[in-house]
Amino acid sequence: MSITRRSFLNQATGTALFATVGAAVFATARSCTPSADVIAKHAPGPMLDLTDFEAGKDVLVKYHNLPLNIRRLSKDDETALQNLPPPLWADSAPRIFGTTIKFTALWRICPYRNCVPLADGVGDYNGYFCPCCAGHYDLAGYFRKGIATNNLKPATVTLVTDTSFHIAKPHQTKANPYGV
């Protein structure tokens, strides 16, 4: 079977058209996938291991440019929290996480002026103290004394194992730039 010039041109034109349409479809489909920064915003936070944290000590982690305080509770911390009176403003958000190892994960942002409270057992309740509003918070982040308007916000935690967890990204908006 001999190939005529006409059939060769038809096959070459069809192949070129198929390749052009395929490249256009591939480019369009590729442009519809989210970029790396969008994927990073919606991915689960870093996996943290509690065995890296010393019991009874606060660790300040900068997560999405926000101060996140993680404290692995010691036995003394747990008994101190149980002996405290009920908080002024109780909320339904969980504040103490973990099954075998207990810990707190709080956004260290003062609800009064958005400053960063001091930690490591300062204040009247051995938790957090904010110098701008003289706010005293206990280890679970509950407001106890001062002129602050609310509790410290807990982070959204997803337990992976008994000793490791993910922190969810705070939901930031124009009205709430800190997301907490």
Protein backbone atom coordinates (compact mmCIF):
# COMPACT_ATOMS: atom_id res chain seq x y z
CA MET A 1 0.00 0.00 0.00
CA SER A 2 1.51 3.22 -1.09
CA ILE A 3 1.12 6.40 0.89
CA THR A 4 0.01 9.29 -1.20
CA ARG A 5 0.97 12.80 -0.54
CA ARG A 6 -2.60 13.66 0.44
CA SER A 7 -2.89 10.87 3.05
CA PHE A 8 0.52 11.83 4.50
CA LEU A 9 -0.58 15.45 4.90
CA ASN A 10 -3.84 14.34 6.54
CA GLN A 11 -1.98 12.14 9.03
CA ALA A 12 0.62 14.84 9.79
CA THR A 13 -2.08 17.49 10.25
CA GLY A 14 -4.13 15.18 12.50
CA THR A 15 -1.10 14.34 14.64
CA ALA A 16 -0.14 18.02 15.00
CA LEU A 17 -3.74 18.95 15.86
CA PHE A 18 -3.93 16.14 18.46
CA ALA A 19 -0.64 17.25 20.06
CA THR A 20 -1.75 20.92 20.15
CA VAL A 21 -5.12 20.09 21.72
CA GLY A 22 -3.46 17.75 24.22
CA ALA A 23 -0.94 20.42 25.24
CA ALA A 24 -3.71 23.00 25.64
CA VAL A 25 -5.81 20.63 27.77
CA PHE A 26 -2.78 19.71 29.89
CA ALA A 27 -1.85 23.38 30.42
CA THR A 28 -5.43 24.26 31.37
CA ALA A 29 -5.70 21.35 33.78
CA ARG A 30 -2.34 22.18 35.32
CA SER A 31 -3.33 25.81 35.86
CA CYS A 32 -6.42 24.65 37.78
CA THR A 33 -4.40 22.82 40.45
CA PRO A 34 -3.66 24.79 43.62
CA SER A 35 -0.22 26.29 44.02
CA ALA A 36 2.20 25.20 46.73
CA ASP A 37 1.30 28.08 49.08
CA VAL A 38 -2.41 27.21 48.89
CA ILE A 39 -1.66 23.56 49.58
CA ALA A 40 0.52 24.55 52.53
CA LYS A 41 -2.27 26.69 54.01
CA HIS A 42 -4.70 23.79 54.02
CA ALA A 43 -2.32 21.00 54.95
CA PRO A 44 -2.32 19.77 58.53
CA GLY A 45 0.15 21.55 60.72
CA PRO A 46 3.50 20.15 61.67
CA MET A 47 3.50 16.89 63.60
CA LEU A 48 4.95 17.51 67.04
CA ASP A 49 6.17 14.83 69.41
CA LEU A 50 5.51 15.31 73.12
CA THR A 51 8.53 13.29 74.15
CA ASP A 52 10.64 16.23 72.89
CA PHE A 53 9.05 18.54 75.48
CA GLU A 54 10.17 18.62 79.10
CA ALA A 55 7.35 18.15 81.62
CA GLY A 56 6.32 21.35 83.38
CA LYS A 57 8.05 23.69 80.91
CA ASP A 58 6.52 26.06 78.37
CA VAL A 59 7.72 26.05 74.76
CA LEU A 60 6.86 28.99 72.54
CA VAL A 61 6.48 27.98 68.89
CA LYS A 62 5.94 30.50 66.11
CA TYR A 63 3.28 28.99 63.85
CA HIS A 64 1.96 31.04 60.89
CA ASN A 65 3.57 34.08 62.56
CA LEU A 66 1.49 33.57 65.71
CA PRO A 67 2.85 32.65 69.15
CA LEU A 68 1.71 29.15 70.12
CA ASN A 69 2.50 27.97 73.63
CA ILE A 70 2.81 24.23 74.23
CA ARG A 71 3.20 22.92 77.75
CA ARG A 72 3.58 19.29 78.70
CA LEU A 73 1.85 19.09 82.07
CA SER A 74 3.66 17.59 85.01
CA LYS A 75 1.86 15.79 87.85
CA ASP A 76 2.15 18.99 89.93
CA ASP A 77 0.52 20.99 87.10
CA GLU A 78 -2.39 18.54 86.88
CA THR A 79 -3.06 18.65 90.63
CA ALA A 80 -2.78 22.46 90.64
CA LEU A 81 -5.38 22.69 87.85
CA GLN A 82 -7.74 20.35 89.70
CA ASN A 83 -7.50 22.44 92.89
CA LEU A 84 -8.40 25.74 91.21
CA PRO A 85 -11.90 27.23 91.53
CA PRO A 86 -14.09 27.21 88.40
CA PRO A 87 -13.03 29.81 85.80
CA LEU A 88 -14.93 33.08 85.31
CA TRP A 89 -15.64 32.41 81.64
CA ALA A 90 -15.80 28.70 80.94
CA ASP A 91 -15.97 27.74 77.29
CA SER A 92 -16.62 24.43 75.60
CA ALA A 93 -13.28 24.22 73.76
CA PRO A 94 -11.00 21.46 75.04
CA ARG A 95 -7.95 22.86 76.78
CA ILE A 96 -6.09 19.82 78.07
CA PHE A 97 -5.17 17.24 75.45
CA GLY A 98 -3.61 13.82 75.49
CA THR A 99 -4.33 10.46 77.04
CA THR A 100 -1.09 9.16 78.50
CA ILE A 101 0.79 12.46 78.34
CA LYS A 102 -1.31 15.55 79.15
CA PHE A 103 -0.49 18.87 77.50
CA THR A 104 -1.93 22.29 76.68
CA ALA A 105 -1.64 24.13 73.37
CA LEU A 106 -2.70 27.77 73.64
CA TRP A 107 -2.38 30.76 71.33
CA ARG A 108 -0.36 33.16 73.45
CA ILE A 109 -2.23 36.28 72.37
CA CYS A 110 -3.81 38.51 74.99
CA PRO A 111 -7.52 39.02 74.25
CA TYR A 112 -7.31 42.59 75.53
CA ARG A 113 -4.55 44.19 73.43
CA ASN A 114 -3.17 41.30 71.32
CA CYS A 115 0.20 41.32 73.05
CA VAL A 116 2.10 38.19 74.10
CA PRO A 117 1.63 37.21 77.78
CA LEU A 118 4.55 35.92 79.80
CA ALA A 119 4.66 32.22 80.67
CA ASP A 120 6.56 29.68 82.79
CA GLY A 121 4.57 29.95 85.99
CA VAL A 122 4.28 33.70 86.34
CA GLY A 123 1.24 35.45 87.76
CA ASP A 124 -0.92 34.54 90.73
CA TYR A 125 -2.06 31.23 89.26
CA ASN A 126 1.33 29.87 88.04
CA GLY A 127 0.24 30.12 84.43
CA TYR A 128 0.44 33.23 82.26
CA PHE A 129 0.67 36.93 83.03
CA CYS A 130 0.00 39.78 80.62
CA PRO A 131 1.79 43.00 81.63
CA CYS A 132 -0.35 45.27 79.42
CA CYS A 133 -3.65 44.49 81.18
CA ALA A 134 -2.33 42.85 84.37
CA GLY A 135 -4.21 39.74 83.34
CA HIS A 136 -3.56 36.52 85.22
CA TYR A 137 -4.35 33.19 83.55
CA ASP A 138 -4.03 29.66 84.89
CA LEU A 139 -2.17 26.82 83.15
CA ALA A 140 -5.23 25.96 81.03
CA GLY A 141 -5.43 29.58 79.78
CA TYR A 142 -8.53 30.54 81.75
CA PHE A 143 -8.74 34.19 82.78
CA ARG A 144 -8.52 34.59 86.55
CA LYS A 145 -7.73 38.21 87.41
CA GLY A 146 -7.23 41.59 85.72
CA ILE A 147 -9.08 43.57 83.05
CA ALA A 148 -8.80 41.13 80.15
CA THR A 149 -12.00 40.38 78.30
CA ASN A 150 -11.67 36.65 77.68
CA ASN A 151 -9.61 33.46 78.08
CA LEU A 152 -6.53 32.60 76.06
CA LYS A 153 -7.69 30.66 73.00
CA PRO A 154 -6.77 26.97 72.73
CA ALA A 155 -5.29 25.67 69.51
CA THR A 156 -7.16 23.08 67.47
CA VAL A 157 -5.26 19.86 68.09
CA THR A 158 -5.55 16.53 66.29
CA LEU A 159 -3.98 13.65 68.19
CA VAL A 160 -2.12 11.23 65.89
CA THR A 161 -0.78 8.90 68.57
CA ASP A 162 -0.52 9.11 72.35
CA THR A 163 2.62 11.18 72.04
CA SER A 164 2.27 13.06 68.73
CA PHE A 165 -0.21 15.58 67.39
CA HIS A 166 -0.97 18.10 64.63
CA ILE A 167 -1.88 21.75 65.18
CA ALA A 168 -4.48 23.20 62.80
CA LYS A 169 -3.83 26.57 61.18
CA PRO A 170 -5.84 29.43 62.73
CA HIS A 171 -8.60 30.81 60.52
CA GLN A 172 -7.56 34.39 59.73
CA THR A 173 -9.96 37.00 58.29
CA LYS A 174 -9.87 40.77 57.87
CA ALA A 175 -12.05 41.19 60.95
CA ASN A 176 -9.91 38.72 62.91
CA PRO A 177 -6.35 39.00 61.56
CA TYR A 178 -4.90 36.76 64.25
CA GLY A 179 -7.38 33.96 63.63
CA VAL A 180 -7.69 33.17 67.29
